[in-house]
C-alpha atoms as a PDB file:
ATOM      1  CA  MET A   1     117.321 102.195  90.592  1.00  0.00           C
ATOM      2  CA  ALA A   2     120.784 103.641  90.667  1.00  0.00           C
ATOM      3  CA  LEU A   3     123.555 101.850  92.273  1.00  0.00           C
ATOM      4  CA  SER A   4     126.509 103.281  94.493  1.00  0.00           C
ATOM      5  CA  GLY A   5     130.367 102.110  93.813  1.00  0.00           C
ATOM      6  CA  THR A   6     129.400  98.990  95.849  1.00  0.00           C
ATOM      7  CA  ASP A   7     126.656  97.496  93.782  1.00  0.00           C
ATOM      8  CA  GLN A   8     124.246  98.306  96.680  1.00  0.00           C
ATOM      9  CA  PRO A   9     121.211 100.383  95.776  1.00  0.00           C
ATOM     10  CA  VAL A  10     121.656 104.120  96.776  1.00  0.00           C
ATOM     11  CA  ASP A  11     118.696 103.895  99.045  1.00  0.00           C
ATOM     12  CA  ASP A  12     120.735 101.375 101.098  1.00  0.00           C
ATOM     13  CA  GLN A  13     118.221  98.561 100.624  1.00  0.00           C
ATOM     14  CA  PRO A  14     120.423  95.506  99.911  1.00  0.00           C
ATOM     15  CA  MET A  15     119.766  93.934  96.494  1.00  0.00           C
ATOM     16  CA  THR A  16     117.879  90.625  96.251  1.00  0.00           C
ATOM     17  CA  ASP A  17     117.208  87.688  93.916  1.00  0.00           C
ATOM     18  CA  LYS A  18     113.914  87.104  95.712  1.00  0.00           C
ATOM     19  CA  PRO A  19     110.550  87.756  93.975  1.00  0.00           C
ATOM     20  CA  HIS A  20     108.814  90.939  95.271  1.00  0.00           C
ATOM     21  CA  PHE A  21     106.076  89.698  97.067  1.00  0.00           C
ATOM     22  CA  HIS A  22     108.163  87.113  98.937  1.00  0.00           C
ATOM     23  CA  THR A  23     110.279  90.057  99.860  1.00  0.00           C
ATOM     24  CA  VAL A  24     107.123  92.073 101.316  1.00  0.00           C
ATOM     25  CA  VAL A  25     106.212  88.830 103.289  1.00  0.00           C
ATOM     26  CA  ASP A  26     109.767  88.697 104.620  1.00  0.00           C
ATOM     27  CA  GLU A  27     109.782  92.817 105.696  1.00  0.00           C
ATOM     28  CA  LEU A  28     106.481  92.375 107.375  1.00  0.00           C
ATOM     29  CA  ARG A  29     107.936  89.048 109.461  1.00  0.00           C
ATOM     30  CA  GLN A  30     109.293  91.080 112.174  1.00  0.00           C
ATOM     31  CA  PRO A  31     107.235  94.355 112.610  1.00  0.00           C
ATOM     32  CA  THR A  32     104.349  91.717 112.766  1.00  0.00           C
ATOM     33  CA  ARG A  33     106.054  89.760 115.449  1.00  0.00           C
ATOM     34  CA  ASP A  34     106.860  93.059 117.355  1.00  0.00           C
ATOM     35  CA  LEU A  35     103.167  94.204 117.278  1.00  0.00           C
ATOM     36  CA  ARG A  36     101.948  90.616 118.191  1.00  0.00           C
ATOM     37  CA  ARG A  37     104.163  90.725 121.058  1.00  0.00           C
ATOM     38  CA  ASP A  38     103.034  94.182 122.205  1.00  0.00           C
ATOM     39  CA  ILE A  39      99.292  93.121 121.920  1.00  0.00           C
ATOM     40  CA  PRO A  40      99.082  89.289 122.325  1.00  0.00           C
ATOM     41  CA  GLU A  41      95.254  89.226 123.150  1.00  0.00           C
ATOM     42  CA  THR A  42      94.162  91.568 120.615  1.00  0.00           C
ATOM     43  CA  TRP A  43      96.446  89.680 117.897  1.00  0.00           C
ATOM     44  CA  ALA A  44      95.100  86.391 119.157  1.00  0.00           C
ATOM     45  CA  ALA A  45      91.440  87.517 118.684  1.00  0.00           C
ATOM     46  CA  PHE A  46      92.439  88.864 115.189  1.00  0.00           C
ATOM     47  CA  GLY A  47      94.444  85.422 114.441  1.00  0.00           C
ATOM     48  CA  ALA A  48      91.205  83.505 115.469  1.00  0.00           C
ATOM     49  CA  LEU A  49      88.915  85.691 113.437  1.00  0.00           C
ATOM     50  CA  HIS A  50      91.112  85.234 110.353  1.00  0.00           C
ATOM     51  CA  GLN A  51      91.270  81.399 110.884  1.00  0.00           C
ATOM     52  CA  GLN A  52      87.286  80.961 111.058  1.00  0.00           C
ATOM     53  CA  ALA A  53      86.835  83.751 108.542  1.00  0.00           C
ATOM     54  CA  VAL A  54      88.779  81.487 105.722  1.00  0.00           C
ATOM     55  CA  ALA A  55      87.785  78.114 107.103  1.00  0.00           C
ATOM     56  CA  GLU A  56      86.174  75.796 104.913  1.00  0.00           C
ATOM     57  CA  GLY A  57      82.255  76.281 104.977  1.00  0.00           C
ATOM     58  CA  ALA A  58      79.591  76.888 102.422  1.00  0.00           C
ATOM     59  CA  LEU A  59      82.619  78.631 100.281  1.00  0.00           C
ATOM     60  CA  PRO A  60      85.621  76.771  99.963  1.00  0.00           C
ATOM     61  CA  SER A  61      88.580  78.208 101.544  1.00  0.00           C
ATOM     62  CA  ARG A  62      90.396  79.108  98.198  1.00  0.00           C
ATOM     63  CA  ILE A  63      87.212  81.139  97.342  1.00  0.00           C
ATOM     64  CA  LYS A  64      87.597  83.183 100.727  1.00  0.00           C
ATOM     65  CA  GLU A  65      91.217  83.913  99.888  1.00  0.00           C
ATOM     66  CA  LEU A  66      90.470  85.108  96.617  1.00  0.00           C
ATOM     67  CA  MET A  67      87.968  87.437  98.242  1.00  0.00           C
ATOM     68  CA  ALA A  68      90.463  88.592 100.695  1.00  0.00           C
ATOM     69  CA  LEU A  69      92.839  88.942  97.523  1.00  0.00           C
ATOM     70  CA  VAL A  70      90.211  91.227  96.001  1.00  0.00           C
ATOM     71  CA  VAL A  71      89.660  93.406  99.245  1.00  0.00           C
ATOM     72  CA  GLY A  72      93.669  93.594  99.169  1.00  0.00           C
ATOM     73  CA  VAL A  73      93.747  95.095  95.905  1.00  0.00           C
ATOM     74  CA  VAL A  74      90.864  97.638  96.093  1.00  0.00           C
ATOM     75  CA  GLU A  75      92.481  98.916  99.244  1.00  0.00           C
ATOM     76  CA  HIS A  76      96.140  99.217  97.595  1.00  0.00           C
ATOM     77  CA  CYS A  77      97.630  96.905 100.259  1.00  0.00           C
ATOM     78  CA  ASP A  78     100.827  95.077  99.386  1.00  0.00           C
ATOM     79  CA  GLY A  79     100.980  93.005 102.494  1.00  0.00           C
ATOM     80  CA  CYS A  80      97.603  91.742 102.148  1.00  0.00           C
ATOM     81  CA  ILE A  81      98.284  90.965  98.508  1.00  0.00           C
ATOM     82  CA  ALA A  82     101.186  89.083  99.245  1.00  0.00           C
ATOM     83  CA  TYR A  83      99.432  87.259 102.383  1.00  0.00           C
ATOM     84  CA  HIS A  84      96.219  86.254 100.343  1.00  0.00           C
ATOM     85  CA  ALA A  85      98.048  85.546  97.106  1.00  0.00           C
ATOM     86  CA  ARG A  86     100.151  82.905  98.962  1.00  0.00           C
ATOM     87  CA  ALA A  87      97.267  81.275 100.817  1.00  0.00           C
ATOM     88  CA  ALA A  88      95.186  81.213  97.614  1.00  0.00           C
ATOM     89  CA  ALA A  89      97.741  79.312  95.998  1.00  0.00           C
ATOM     90  CA  LYS A  90      98.237  77.220  99.084  1.00  0.00           C
ATOM     91  CA  ALA A  91      94.473  76.285  99.199  1.00  0.00           C
ATOM     92  CA  GLY A  92      94.346  75.381  95.399  1.00  0.00           C
ATOM     93  CA  ALA A  93      93.209  78.248  93.430  1.00  0.00           C
ATOM     94  CA  THR A  94      93.745  78.402  89.923  1.00  0.00           C
ATOM     95  CA  GLU A  95      95.066  81.046  87.831  1.00  0.00           C
ATOM     96  CA  ALA A  96      91.804  81.550  85.979  1.00  0.00           C
ATOM     97  CA  GLU A  97      90.214  81.988  89.412  1.00  0.00           C
ATOM     98  CA  VAL A  98      92.399  84.361  90.401  1.00  0.00           C
ATOM     99  CA  ALA A  99      92.041  86.330  87.140  1.00  0.00           C
ATOM    100  CA  GLU A 100      88.356  86.190  87.167  1.00  0.00           C
ATOM    101  CA  ALA A 101      88.375  87.310  90.679  1.00  0.00           C
ATOM    102  CA  LEU A 102      90.604  90.461  90.112  1.00  0.00           C
ATOM    103  CA  GLY A 103      88.282  91.252  87.048  1.00  0.00           C
ATOM    104  CA  VAL A 104      85.777  92.287  89.913  1.00  0.00           C
ATOM    105  CA  THR A 105      88.242  94.585  91.302  1.00  0.00           C
ATOM    106  CA  LEU A 106      88.283  96.447  87.853  1.00  0.00           C
ATOM    107  CA  LEU A 107      84.584  96.912  88.523  1.00  0.00           C
ATOM    108  CA  MET A 108      84.846  97.793  92.280  1.00  0.00           C
ATOM    109  CA  GLY A 109      88.319  99.980  92.075  1.00  0.00           C
ATOM    110  CA  GLY A 110      88.427 101.167  88.661  1.00  0.00           C
ATOM    111  CA  GLY A 111      91.724 102.705  87.655  1.00  0.00           C
ATOM    112  CA  PRO A 112      93.759 102.042  90.492  1.00  0.00           C
ATOM    113  CA  ALA A 113      92.665  98.693  90.574  1.00  0.00           C
ATOM    114  CA  SER A 114      94.142  98.112  87.048  1.00  0.00           C
ATOM    115  CA  VAL A 115      97.402  98.967  88.382  1.00  0.00           C
ATOM    116  CA  TRP A 116      97.373  96.791  91.853  1.00  0.00           C
ATOM    117  CA  ALA A 117      95.321  93.741  89.953  1.00  0.00           C
ATOM    118  CA  PRO A 118      98.181  92.762  87.946  1.00  0.00           C
ATOM    119  CA  ARG A 119     100.489  93.185  90.768  1.00  0.00           C
ATOM    120  CA  ALA A 120      98.340  90.598  92.525  1.00  0.00           C
ATOM    121  CA  LEU A 121      98.227  88.243  89.753  1.00  0.00           C
ATOM    122  CA  GLU A 122     102.133  88.530  89.685  1.00  0.00           C
ATOM    123  CA  ALA A 123     102.094  87.815  93.555  1.00  0.00           C
ATOM    124  CA  PHE A 124      99.820  84.487  93.027  1.00  0.00           C
ATOM    125  CA  ARG A 125     102.248  83.381  90.160  1.00  0.00           C
ATOM    126  CA  GLU A 126     105.171  83.972  92.507  1.00  0.00           C
ATOM    127  CA  PHE A 127     103.423  81.764  95.003  1.00  0.00           C
ATOM    128  CA  ALA A 128     102.029  79.065  92.781  1.00  0.00           C
ATOM    129  CA  GLU A 129     105.507  78.431  91.179  1.00  0.00           C
ATOM    130  CA  PRO A 130     106.792  76.103  93.674  1.00  0.00           C
ATOM    131  CA  LYS A 131     103.533  74.126  93.427  1.00  0.00           C
ATOM    132  CA  LEU A 132     104.036  74.066  89.719  1.00  0.00           C
ATOM    133  CA  GLU A 133     107.428  72.876  89.951  1.00  0.00           C
ATOM    134  CA  GLU A 134     106.555  70.069  92.449  1.00  0.00           C
ATOM    135  CA  ALA A 135     103.968  68.906  89.717  1.00  0.00           C
ATOM    136  CA  SER A 136     106.659  68.658  87.188  1.00  0.00           C
END
């Protein structure tokens, strides 16, 4: 990206050292709050659905988060990828599990998934990194 004379990108977006998918989550924070404020009952129902859908059950939460990550890839949804990569890392998914799940996206999503699946793996690595550092 070209820079202006002030070292700012020409599209007026501030430069950041923050990893990409952390930035995606940050950028969605305020618009999400705004929408939640405008439709509180609907948002609360969605939140309850989300909580129940990924709760521990016959399938562990980490597998359900991997399923959601796969859907995010097939739907080309950067916010979905960011949120579910973070949740999968938090739920204890391994990189090997993420990679295998992303393999299914190639089957179901074809060529476009070959672009979005590596992004999802990058997102998982971004959110899993602090966890790896804590273990050291």
